[in-house]
Amino acid sequence: MRNILVPTDFSEHADYATEVAAQISKKTGAKLYIFHIINMPVQSDSDRFVEYSSIPEGLFLIKLAEKNFAKLLKKPFMKGVKAVTAIDFASIYDRITKLAKKHQIDLIVMGSHGTSGFREEFIGSTTEKVARLAHCPVLTIKSQHKKFEVKNMVFASNFYKETDHVVPKVRQFAEIYGSNIHLLKVNTPYHFETTRYATKLMEDMAKKHKMHHYSVNIYNDEHLESGLINYSNDINADLIVMGTHGRTGLSHLINGSLAEDVLNHATRPVLTLKIKEPKVKYGTIAPIK
């Protein structure tokens, strides 16, 4: 891991994310890119558009951000961290994903408190959008972790071929912390697979990717989201890991996203990885039973 991106609005939850990112940076030697977006309105002037960033209000917000960055960099958890700061005017989640590609970011760390609370524009819905659209893994932090460790990691999936390409990233993150990986298949009345079949899928994927320190687990619940959260609570997991298809527009409206539901309601850190939308014939995504 070489580059970590941390968007911040200098709120308490954003600081939680920065603190975790700083710890990961120290553990891996990665450079930290911390940036702040000033989301300014645009004023129409006849046929021209005048950005407010060109007037004193924008300059004031830039100066304020610079002061906040100075305070952030002096915090104890930033000591010894290689950090670069930046300020920009743009659409928040769009700019985050573009910066991630530009700087070859390996991990985005963001603060969030779910759907309730204040300043949701930045650390609520934006976190969900970034998790869905980013090309790299996104780690969502909801509380303070003075010593971030991942002894027990829950990797929830259907374990079909569509998730195959994200497994190396799961294993890589587990190796950083020496984590025990709890492979999890949640069975519900509407998403049911036999124990024998689900176990084989998990075992085959673990062997293919040479996983170490893993266990195979099947959990029955009414819903996928509640099953994942309940199992994670039962074993006191340090991290939930799951894929997201990155759907947008009508497809996202119809199909929704389990990852976003978990991001909204889980209190534990969540690592999301983008799964490529499959374009294959029947029988190659989900193995025929």
Protein backbone atom coordinates (compact mmCIF):
# COMPACT_ATOMS: atom_id res chain seq x y z
CA MET A 1 0.00 0.00 0.00
CA ARG A 2 1.57 3.27 -1.16
CA ASN A 3 -1.08 6.01 -1.20
CA ILE A 4 -4.06 6.68 1.08
CA LEU A 5 -6.68 9.38 0.43
CA VAL A 6 -8.62 11.02 3.27
CA PRO A 7 -11.36 13.58 2.47
CA THR A 8 -12.08 15.85 5.42
CA ASP A 9 -14.56 18.52 6.45
CA PHE A 10 -12.68 18.88 9.78
CA SER A 11 -15.63 17.44 11.70
CA GLU A 12 -15.28 14.98 14.57
CA HIS A 13 -16.08 11.96 12.39
CA ALA A 14 -13.70 13.10 9.66
CA ASP A 15 -10.97 13.29 12.32
CA TYR A 16 -11.77 9.72 13.34
CA ALA A 17 -11.07 8.66 9.75
CA THR A 18 -7.86 10.70 9.57
CA GLU A 19 -6.61 9.12 12.79
CA VAL A 20 -7.19 5.60 11.44
CA ALA A 21 -5.61 6.52 8.10
CA ALA A 22 -2.56 7.86 9.95
CA GLN A 23 -2.20 4.57 11.81
CA ILE A 24 -2.42 2.58 8.58
CA SER A 25 0.13 4.94 7.02
CA LYS A 26 2.60 4.32 9.85
CA LYS A 27 2.09 0.56 9.57
CA THR A 28 2.52 0.38 5.79
CA GLY A 29 4.68 3.42 4.99
CA ALA A 30 1.97 4.83 2.72
CA LYS A 31 1.73 8.55 1.93
CA LEU A 32 -1.38 10.31 3.19
CA TYR A 33 -3.29 12.66 0.87
CA ILE A 34 -5.69 14.76 2.98
CA PHE A 35 -7.94 17.14 1.10
CA HIS A 36 -10.84 19.46 1.77
CA ILE A 37 -13.57 20.33 -0.71
CA ILE A 38 -15.19 23.78 -0.54
CA ASN A 39 -18.57 23.15 -2.10
CA MET A 40 -19.58 26.64 -3.28
CA PRO A 41 -22.79 27.60 -5.12
CA VAL A 42 -22.60 29.10 -8.59
CA GLN A 43 -24.30 32.41 -9.49
CA SER A 44 -25.84 33.00 -12.90
CA ASP A 45 -24.90 36.34 -14.51
CA SER A 46 -26.74 36.65 -17.86
CA ASP A 47 -25.13 34.00 -20.09
CA ARG A 48 -22.09 33.66 -17.83
CA PHE A 49 -21.52 31.70 -14.67
CA VAL A 50 -19.53 33.36 -11.91
CA GLU A 51 -18.02 31.04 -9.31
CA TYR A 52 -18.21 32.30 -5.76
CA SER A 53 -14.67 31.01 -5.25
CA SER A 54 -13.49 34.19 -7.02
CA ILE A 55 -14.97 36.54 -4.41
CA PRO A 56 -14.00 37.28 -0.78
CA GLU A 57 -16.29 34.57 0.62
CA GLY A 58 -14.27 31.93 -1.21
CA LEU A 59 -10.98 33.44 -0.03
CA PHE A 60 -12.26 33.43 3.55
CA LEU A 61 -13.14 29.73 3.33
CA ILE A 62 -9.71 28.93 1.88
CA LYS A 63 -7.99 30.72 4.77
CA LEU A 64 -10.25 28.92 7.24
CA ALA A 65 -9.40 25.56 5.67
CA GLU A 66 -5.68 26.35 5.85
CA LYS A 67 -6.01 27.10 9.58
CA ASN A 68 -7.92 23.86 10.12
CA PHE A 69 -5.24 21.91 8.24
CA ALA A 70 -2.54 23.48 10.41
CA LYS A 71 -4.39 22.33 13.55
CA LEU A 72 -4.94 18.85 12.10
CA LEU A 73 -1.28 18.31 11.22
CA LYS A 74 -0.26 19.23 14.78
CA LYS A 75 -2.41 16.52 16.36
CA PRO A 76 -0.43 13.75 18.11
CA PHE A 77 -1.65 10.98 15.80
CA MET A 78 -0.15 12.80 12.79
CA LYS A 79 3.40 12.65 14.17
CA GLY A 80 5.68 10.76 11.81
CA VAL A 81 3.11 10.58 8.99
CA LYS A 82 4.02 11.55 5.42
CA ALA A 83 1.09 13.83 4.57
CA VAL A 84 0.10 16.11 1.69
CA THR A 85 -2.85 18.52 2.04
CA ALA A 86 -4.98 20.15 -0.64
CA ILE A 87 -8.04 22.40 -0.99
CA ASP A 88 -10.38 22.33 -3.97
CA PHE A 89 -13.71 23.66 -5.28
CA ALA A 90 -15.78 20.89 -6.84
CA SER A 91 -18.57 18.37 -6.48
CA ILE A 92 -17.52 16.41 -3.41
CA TYR A 93 -17.87 12.75 -4.40
CA ASP A 94 -16.98 13.36 -8.05
CA ARG A 95 -13.72 15.04 -7.07
CA ILE A 96 -12.86 12.30 -4.59
CA THR A 97 -13.06 9.56 -7.21
CA LYS A 98 -11.07 11.61 -9.75
CA LEU A 99 -8.31 12.39 -7.24
CA ALA A 100 -8.15 8.71 -6.31
CA LYS A 101 -7.36 7.81 -9.92
CA LYS A 102 -4.97 10.72 -10.47
CA HIS A 103 -2.78 9.90 -7.47
CA GLN A 104 -3.07 6.11 -7.84
CA ILE A 105 -4.73 5.81 -4.46
CA ASP A 106 -4.77 2.33 -2.92
CA LEU A 107 -7.25 3.09 -0.14
CA ILE A 108 -9.78 5.82 0.67
CA VAL A 109 -10.61 6.35 4.34
CA MET A 110 -13.77 8.31 5.17
CA GLY A 111 -15.71 9.22 8.28
CA SER A 112 -19.44 8.62 8.53
CA HIS A 113 -22.25 8.41 11.05
CA GLY A 114 -24.91 6.88 8.80
CA THR A 115 -28.22 8.43 7.80
CA SER A 116 -28.92 10.31 11.02
CA GLY A 117 -27.09 13.29 12.44
CA PHE A 118 -25.72 16.54 11.12
CA ARG A 119 -23.72 17.56 8.02
CA GLU A 120 -24.96 14.50 6.15
CA GLU A 121 -24.06 16.00 2.77
CA PHE A 122 -20.38 15.31 3.33
CA ILE A 123 -20.04 12.36 5.67
CA GLY A 124 -23.38 10.63 5.12
CA SER A 125 -24.61 10.22 1.56
CA THR A 126 -21.22 11.17 0.08
CA THR A 127 -19.55 8.23 1.79
CA GLU A 128 -22.09 5.88 0.24
CA LYS A 129 -21.54 7.31 -3.25
CA VAL A 130 -17.76 7.13 -2.99
CA ALA A 131 -17.94 3.54 -1.74
CA ARG A 132 -20.08 2.69 -4.77
CA LEU A 133 -18.04 4.50 -7.43
CA ALA A 134 -14.39 4.44 -6.31
CA HIS A 135 -11.99 2.15 -8.17
CA CYS A 136 -10.10 1.34 -4.95
CA PRO A 137 -11.20 -0.02 -1.56
CA VAL A 138 -13.03 2.44 0.72
CA LEU A 139 -12.74 2.15 4.50
CA THR A 140 -15.60 3.80 6.39
CA ILE A 141 -15.00 4.78 10.02
CA LYS A 142 -17.81 5.72 12.42
CA SER A 143 -16.09 6.04 15.78
CA GLN A 144 -12.70 6.81 17.26
CA HIS A 145 -10.02 4.10 17.19
CA LYS A 146 -6.96 5.16 19.16
CA LYS A 147 -5.42 1.81 18.30
CA PHE A 148 -6.88 0.48 15.05
CA GLU A 149 -6.41 -3.28 14.82
CA VAL A 150 -8.10 -5.95 12.72
CA LYS A 151 -7.81 -9.24 14.57
CA ASN A 152 -11.13 -10.52 13.25
CA MET A 153 -12.34 -9.61 9.78
CA VAL A 154 -15.72 -10.67 8.37
CA PHE A 155 -15.73 -11.08 4.59
CA ALA A 156 -19.35 -11.41 3.49
CA SER A 157 -20.09 -12.45 -0.08
CA ASN A 158 -22.01 -14.83 -2.30
CA PHE A 159 -18.57 -16.21 -3.31
CA TYR A 160 -19.53 -16.45 -6.97
CA LYS A 161 -17.04 -15.75 -9.76
CA GLU A 162 -18.10 -12.10 -9.98
CA THR A 163 -16.34 -11.46 -6.65
CA ASP A 164 -13.19 -13.37 -7.56
CA HIS A 165 -11.09 -10.32 -8.46
CA VAL A 166 -11.62 -8.55 -5.10
CA VAL A 167 -10.36 -11.45 -2.98
CA PRO A 168 -6.64 -10.56 -3.40
CA LYS A 169 -7.37 -7.11 -1.90
CA VAL A 170 -9.16 -8.73 1.02
CA ARG A 171 -6.21 -11.02 1.62
CA GLN A 172 -3.76 -8.12 1.30
CA PHE A 173 -5.56 -6.10 3.98
CA ALA A 174 -5.74 -9.16 6.23
CA GLU A 175 -2.00 -9.76 5.86
CA ILE A 176 -1.21 -6.20 7.01
CA TYR A 177 -2.84 -6.93 10.38
CA GLY A 178 -2.45 -10.71 10.59
CA SER A 179 -6.24 -10.97 10.65
CA ASN A 180 -8.42 -14.02 11.04
CA ILE A 181 -10.77 -13.97 8.03
CA HIS A 182 -14.31 -15.12 8.76
CA LEU A 183 -15.82 -16.02 5.38
CA LEU A 184 -19.56 -15.46 5.73
CA LYS A 185 -22.56 -16.59 3.70
CA VAL A 186 -25.88 -15.24 5.02
CA ASN A 187 -28.90 -17.43 4.30
CA THR A 188 -32.35 -15.82 4.19
CA PRO A 189 -35.76 -17.13 3.12
CA TYR A 190 -35.27 -15.34 -0.22
CA HIS A 191 -31.53 -15.96 -0.63
CA PHE A 192 -31.05 -19.58 0.41
CA GLU A 193 -28.32 -22.07 -0.41
CA THR A 194 -27.64 -25.45 1.14
CA THR A 195 -24.87 -25.70 3.70
CA ARG A 196 -22.96 -28.15 1.53
CA TYR A 197 -23.10 -25.91 -1.55
CA ALA A 198 -22.27 -22.65 0.25
CA THR A 199 -19.40 -24.30 2.13
CA LYS A 200 -17.89 -25.60 -1.10
CA LEU A 201 -18.00 -22.13 -2.67
CA MET A 202 -16.16 -20.61 0.28
CA GLU A 203 -13.60 -23.40 0.55
CA ASP A 204 -12.88 -23.32 -3.18
CA MET A 205 -12.30 -19.55 -3.16
CA ALA A 206 -10.09 -19.71 -0.07
CA LYS A 207 -7.92 -22.44 -1.59
CA LYS A 208 -7.71 -20.71 -4.96
CA HIS A 209 -6.39 -17.51 -3.37
CA LYS A 210 -4.23 -19.32 -0.80
CA MET A 211 -5.94 -17.78 2.20
CA HIS A 212 -4.52 -18.45 5.65
CA HIS A 213 -6.19 -18.15 9.04
CA TYR A 214 -9.74 -18.31 7.72
CA SER A 215 -12.98 -19.97 8.79
CA VAL A 216 -16.14 -20.85 6.86
CA ASN A 217 -19.41 -19.61 8.32
CA ILE A 218 -23.10 -19.79 7.37
CA TYR A 219 -25.57 -17.57 9.24
CA ASN A 220 -29.36 -17.70 8.99
CA ASP A 221 -31.39 -14.49 9.32
CA GLU A 222 -34.44 -12.77 7.89
CA HIS A 223 -32.41 -10.28 5.82
CA LEU A 224 -28.90 -10.15 4.38
CA GLU A 225 -28.10 -6.85 6.10
CA SER A 226 -29.26 -7.93 9.57
CA GLY A 227 -27.53 -11.30 9.18
CA LEU A 228 -24.20 -9.67 8.38
CA ILE A 229 -24.45 -7.12 11.19
CA ASN A 230 -25.69 -9.67 13.75
CA TYR A 231 -22.92 -12.15 12.94
CA SER A 232 -20.30 -9.39 13.14
CA ASN A 233 -21.65 -8.38 16.54
CA ASP A 234 -21.70 -12.00 17.74
CA ILE A 235 -17.97 -12.48 17.11
CA ASN A 236 -17.07 -8.87 18.00
CA ALA A 237 -15.53 -8.31 14.56
CA ASP A 238 -13.05 -5.48 14.06
CA LEU A 239 -13.93 -4.99 10.39
CA ILE A 240 -16.70 -5.85 7.92
CA VAL A 241 -15.58 -6.42 4.33
CA MET A 242 -17.96 -6.63 1.39
CA GLY A 243 -18.30 -5.89 -2.30
CA THR A 244 -20.48 -3.34 -4.05
CA HIS A 245 -21.50 -3.46 -7.71
CA GLY A 246 -21.16 0.28 -8.24
CA ARG A 247 -24.53 0.57 -9.94
CA THR A 248 -25.78 4.03 -10.87
CA GLY A 249 -28.99 5.57 -12.17
CA LEU A 250 -32.07 3.40 -12.65
CA SER A 251 -30.21 0.16 -11.97
CA HIS A 252 -29.15 1.43 -8.56
CA LEU A 253 -32.66 2.72 -7.83
CA ILE A 254 -34.20 -0.69 -8.61
CA ASN A 255 -31.56 -3.02 -7.18
CA GLY A 256 -30.28 -0.86 -4.35
CA SER A 257 -27.10 -1.82 -2.57
CA LEU A 258 -26.55 -4.12 0.39
CA ALA A 259 -23.23 -2.37 0.99
CA GLU A 260 -24.97 1.00 1.42
CA ASP A 261 -27.51 -0.50 3.83
CA VAL A 262 -24.68 -1.91 5.92
CA LEU A 263 -22.78 1.40 5.77
CA ASN A 264 -25.86 3.15 7.14
CA HIS A 265 -26.56 0.78 10.01
CA ALA A 266 -23.33 -0.95 11.04
CA THR A 267 -21.38 0.66 13.87
CA ARG A 268 -18.15 -1.16 13.01
CA PRO A 269 -15.62 -0.12 10.36
CA VAL A 270 -16.64 -1.27 6.87
CA LEU A 271 -14.31 -1.92 3.95
CA THR A 272 -16.06 -1.91 0.56
CA LEU A 273 -14.56 -3.13 -2.70
CA LYS A 274 -16.02 -2.50 -6.13
CA ILE A 275 -17.23 -5.56 -8.02
CA LYS A 276 -17.32 -5.35 -11.79
CA GLU A 277 -20.80 -5.74 -13.21
CA PRO A 278 -20.76 -9.19 -14.84
CA LYS A 279 -21.53 -9.59 -18.54
CA VAL A 280 -21.54 -13.33 -18.88
CA LYS A 281 -23.92 -16.13 -19.67
CA TYR A 282 -25.98 -17.95 -17.10
CA GLY A 283 -24.02 -20.53 -15.15
CA THR A 284 -20.68 -18.72 -15.15
CA ILE A 285 -21.48 -16.18 -12.41
CA ALA A 286 -23.12 -18.56 -9.98
CA PRO A 287 -21.85 -22.12 -10.38
CA ILE A 288 -24.57 -24.55 -11.37
CA LYS A 289 -25.52 -26.71 -8.40
